[in-house]
Amino acid sequence: MKTMLELQVSLDFDCCSCQNWVGVTVKCSGKGLESGLRKVAAVKVPCPTCGNVNQLYFEPSGTVRAVAPVSGVGAFPEPSVN
């Protein structure tokens, strides 16, 4: 019987909007971790300073690959009046 691999990863990055430092701890689990730590995962993290959401791409080893702003979180198109 196989056991599922779980990792707790601490990540630090600069917010895309305000450039303030953000620290977050995430738990990674699943079958994708069995094939090695070079996989890339993604998580949306709100900045505690400005409130804008960052898309954080990282390796389960703790290496941050990229950070991008998330636009339109929760936004819905407005219906046309005509």
C-alpha atoms as a PDB file:
ATOM      1  CA  MET A   1       0.000   0.000   0.000  1.00  0.00           C
ATOM      2  CA  LYS A   2       1.384   3.400  -1.021  1.00  0.00           C
ATOM      3  CA  THR A   3       1.275   6.379   1.288  1.00  0.00           C
ATOM      4  CA  MET A   4       0.572   9.832  -0.091  1.00  0.00           C
ATOM      5  CA  LEU A   5       3.456  12.273   0.153  1.00  0.00           C
ATOM      6  CA  GLU A   6       2.772  15.573   1.936  1.00  0.00           C
ATOM      7  CA  LEU A   7       5.076  18.555   2.266  1.00  0.00           C
ATOM      8  CA  GLN A   8       4.752  21.812   4.140  1.00  0.00           C
ATOM      9  CA  VAL A   9       6.550  24.589   2.252  1.00  0.00           C
ATOM     10  CA  SER A  10       7.366  28.116   3.431  1.00  0.00           C
ATOM     11  CA  LEU A  11       7.608  30.679   0.621  1.00  0.00           C
ATOM     12  CA  ASP A  12       8.655  34.345   0.583  1.00  0.00           C
ATOM     13  CA  PHE A  13       8.009  36.763  -2.289  1.00  0.00           C
ATOM     14  CA  ASP A  14       7.335  40.416  -3.095  1.00  0.00           C
ATOM     15  CA  CYS A  15       3.761  41.471  -3.866  1.00  0.00           C
ATOM     16  CA  CYS A  16       3.248  42.360  -7.536  1.00  0.00           C
ATOM     17  CA  SER A  17       1.208  45.451  -6.627  1.00  0.00           C
ATOM     18  CA  CYS A  18       2.867  47.100  -3.620  1.00  0.00           C
ATOM     19  CA  GLN A  19       6.264  45.322  -3.615  1.00  0.00           C
ATOM     20  CA  ASN A  20       5.955  44.502   0.105  1.00  0.00           C
ATOM     21  CA  TRP A  21       7.335  41.218   1.395  1.00  0.00           C
ATOM     22  CA  VAL A  22       4.816  38.386   1.774  1.00  0.00           C
ATOM     23  CA  GLY A  23       5.454  35.113   3.583  1.00  0.00           C
ATOM     24  CA  VAL A  24       3.152  32.128   3.261  1.00  0.00           C
ATOM     25  CA  THR A  25       3.212  28.460   4.281  1.00  0.00           C
ATOM     26  CA  VAL A  26       1.408  25.963   2.053  1.00  0.00           C
ATOM     27  CA  LYS A  27       0.798  22.236   2.301  1.00  0.00           C
ATOM     28  CA  CYS A  28       1.462  20.236  -0.865  1.00  0.00           C
ATOM     29  CA  SER A  29       0.098  16.746  -1.304  1.00  0.00           C
ATOM     30  CA  GLY A  30      -0.857  14.364  -4.060  1.00  0.00           C
ATOM     31  CA  LYS A  31       0.399  11.923  -6.628  1.00  0.00           C
ATOM     32  CA  GLY A  32       2.373  14.575  -8.527  1.00  0.00           C
ATOM     33  CA  LEU A  33       4.950  14.756  -5.745  1.00  0.00           C
ATOM     34  CA  GLU A  34       5.904  11.109  -6.229  1.00  0.00           C
ATOM     35  CA  SER A  35       7.654  11.877  -9.507  1.00  0.00           C
ATOM     36  CA  GLY A  36      10.093  14.313  -7.907  1.00  0.00           C
ATOM     37  CA  LEU A  37      10.401  17.816  -6.549  1.00  0.00           C
ATOM     38  CA  ARG A  38      10.874  19.555  -9.927  1.00  0.00           C
ATOM     39  CA  LYS A  39       7.118  19.892 -10.462  1.00  0.00           C
ATOM     40  CA  VAL A  40       5.565  23.362 -10.386  1.00  0.00           C
ATOM     41  CA  ALA A  41       2.485  24.153  -8.320  1.00  0.00           C
ATOM     42  CA  ALA A  42       0.427  27.339  -8.165  1.00  0.00           C
ATOM     43  CA  VAL A  43      -1.532  29.072  -5.435  1.00  0.00           C
ATOM     44  CA  LYS A  44      -3.338  32.412  -5.164  1.00  0.00           C
ATOM     45  CA  VAL A  45      -2.121  34.476  -2.202  1.00  0.00           C
ATOM     46  CA  PRO A  46      -3.646  37.792  -1.102  1.00  0.00           C
ATOM     47  CA  CYS A  47      -1.189  40.441   0.056  1.00  0.00           C
ATOM     48  CA  PRO A  48      -1.758  41.312   3.730  1.00  0.00           C
ATOM     49  CA  THR A  49      -0.650  44.908   3.053  1.00  0.00           C
ATOM     50  CA  CYS A  50      -2.632  45.966  -0.047  1.00  0.00           C
ATOM     51  CA  GLY A  51      -5.141  43.109  -0.414  1.00  0.00           C
ATOM     52  CA  ASN A  52      -4.344  42.404  -4.058  1.00  0.00           C
ATOM     53  CA  VAL A  53      -4.065  38.744  -5.047  1.00  0.00           C
ATOM     54  CA  ASN A  54      -0.825  37.240  -6.382  1.00  0.00           C
ATOM     55  CA  GLN A  55      -0.550  34.016  -8.394  1.00  0.00           C
ATOM     56  CA  LEU A  56       2.480  32.252  -6.942  1.00  0.00           C
ATOM     57  CA  TYR A  57       4.208  29.497  -8.949  1.00  0.00           C
ATOM     58  CA  PHE A  58       6.620  27.364  -6.938  1.00  0.00           C
ATOM     59  CA  GLU A  59       8.399  24.034  -6.720  1.00  0.00           C
ATOM     60  CA  PRO A  60       7.629  21.763  -3.750  1.00  0.00           C
ATOM     61  CA  SER A  61      11.302  22.201  -2.805  1.00  0.00           C
ATOM     62  CA  GLY A  62      10.452  25.809  -1.844  1.00  0.00           C
ATOM     63  CA  THR A  63      11.860  27.528  -4.931  1.00  0.00           C
ATOM     64  CA  VAL A  64       9.639  30.368  -6.145  1.00  0.00           C
ATOM     65  CA  ARG A  65       9.465  30.241  -9.952  1.00  0.00           C
ATOM     66  CA  ALA A  66       7.245  33.265 -10.672  1.00  0.00           C
ATOM     67  CA  VAL A  67       4.759  35.687  -9.168  1.00  0.00           C
ATOM     68  CA  ALA A  68       2.038  37.340 -11.245  1.00  0.00           C
ATOM     69  CA  PRO A  69      -0.878  39.609 -10.407  1.00  0.00           C
ATOM     70  CA  VAL A  70      -4.319  38.029 -10.539  1.00  0.00           C
ATOM     71  CA  SER A  71      -6.706  40.322 -12.378  1.00  0.00           C
ATOM     72  CA  GLY A  72     -10.452  40.197 -12.184  1.00  0.00           C
ATOM     73  CA  VAL A  73     -10.711  38.087  -9.024  1.00  0.00           C
ATOM     74  CA  GLY A  74     -14.404  37.792  -8.329  1.00  0.00           C
ATOM     75  CA  ALA A  75     -15.259  40.231 -11.102  1.00  0.00           C
ATOM     76  CA  PHE A  76     -18.172  39.524 -13.376  1.00  0.00           C
ATOM     77  CA  PRO A  77     -18.911  41.206 -16.690  1.00  0.00           C
ATOM     78  CA  GLU A  78     -21.547  43.893 -16.416  1.00  0.00           C
ATOM     79  CA  PRO A  79     -24.623  43.328 -18.565  1.00  0.00           C
ATOM     80  CA  SER A  80     -25.220  45.727 -21.433  1.00  0.00           C
ATOM     81  CA  VAL A  81     -28.086  48.203 -21.085  1.00  0.00           C
ATOM     82  CA  ASN A  82     -29.160  47.800 -24.710  1.00  0.00           C
END
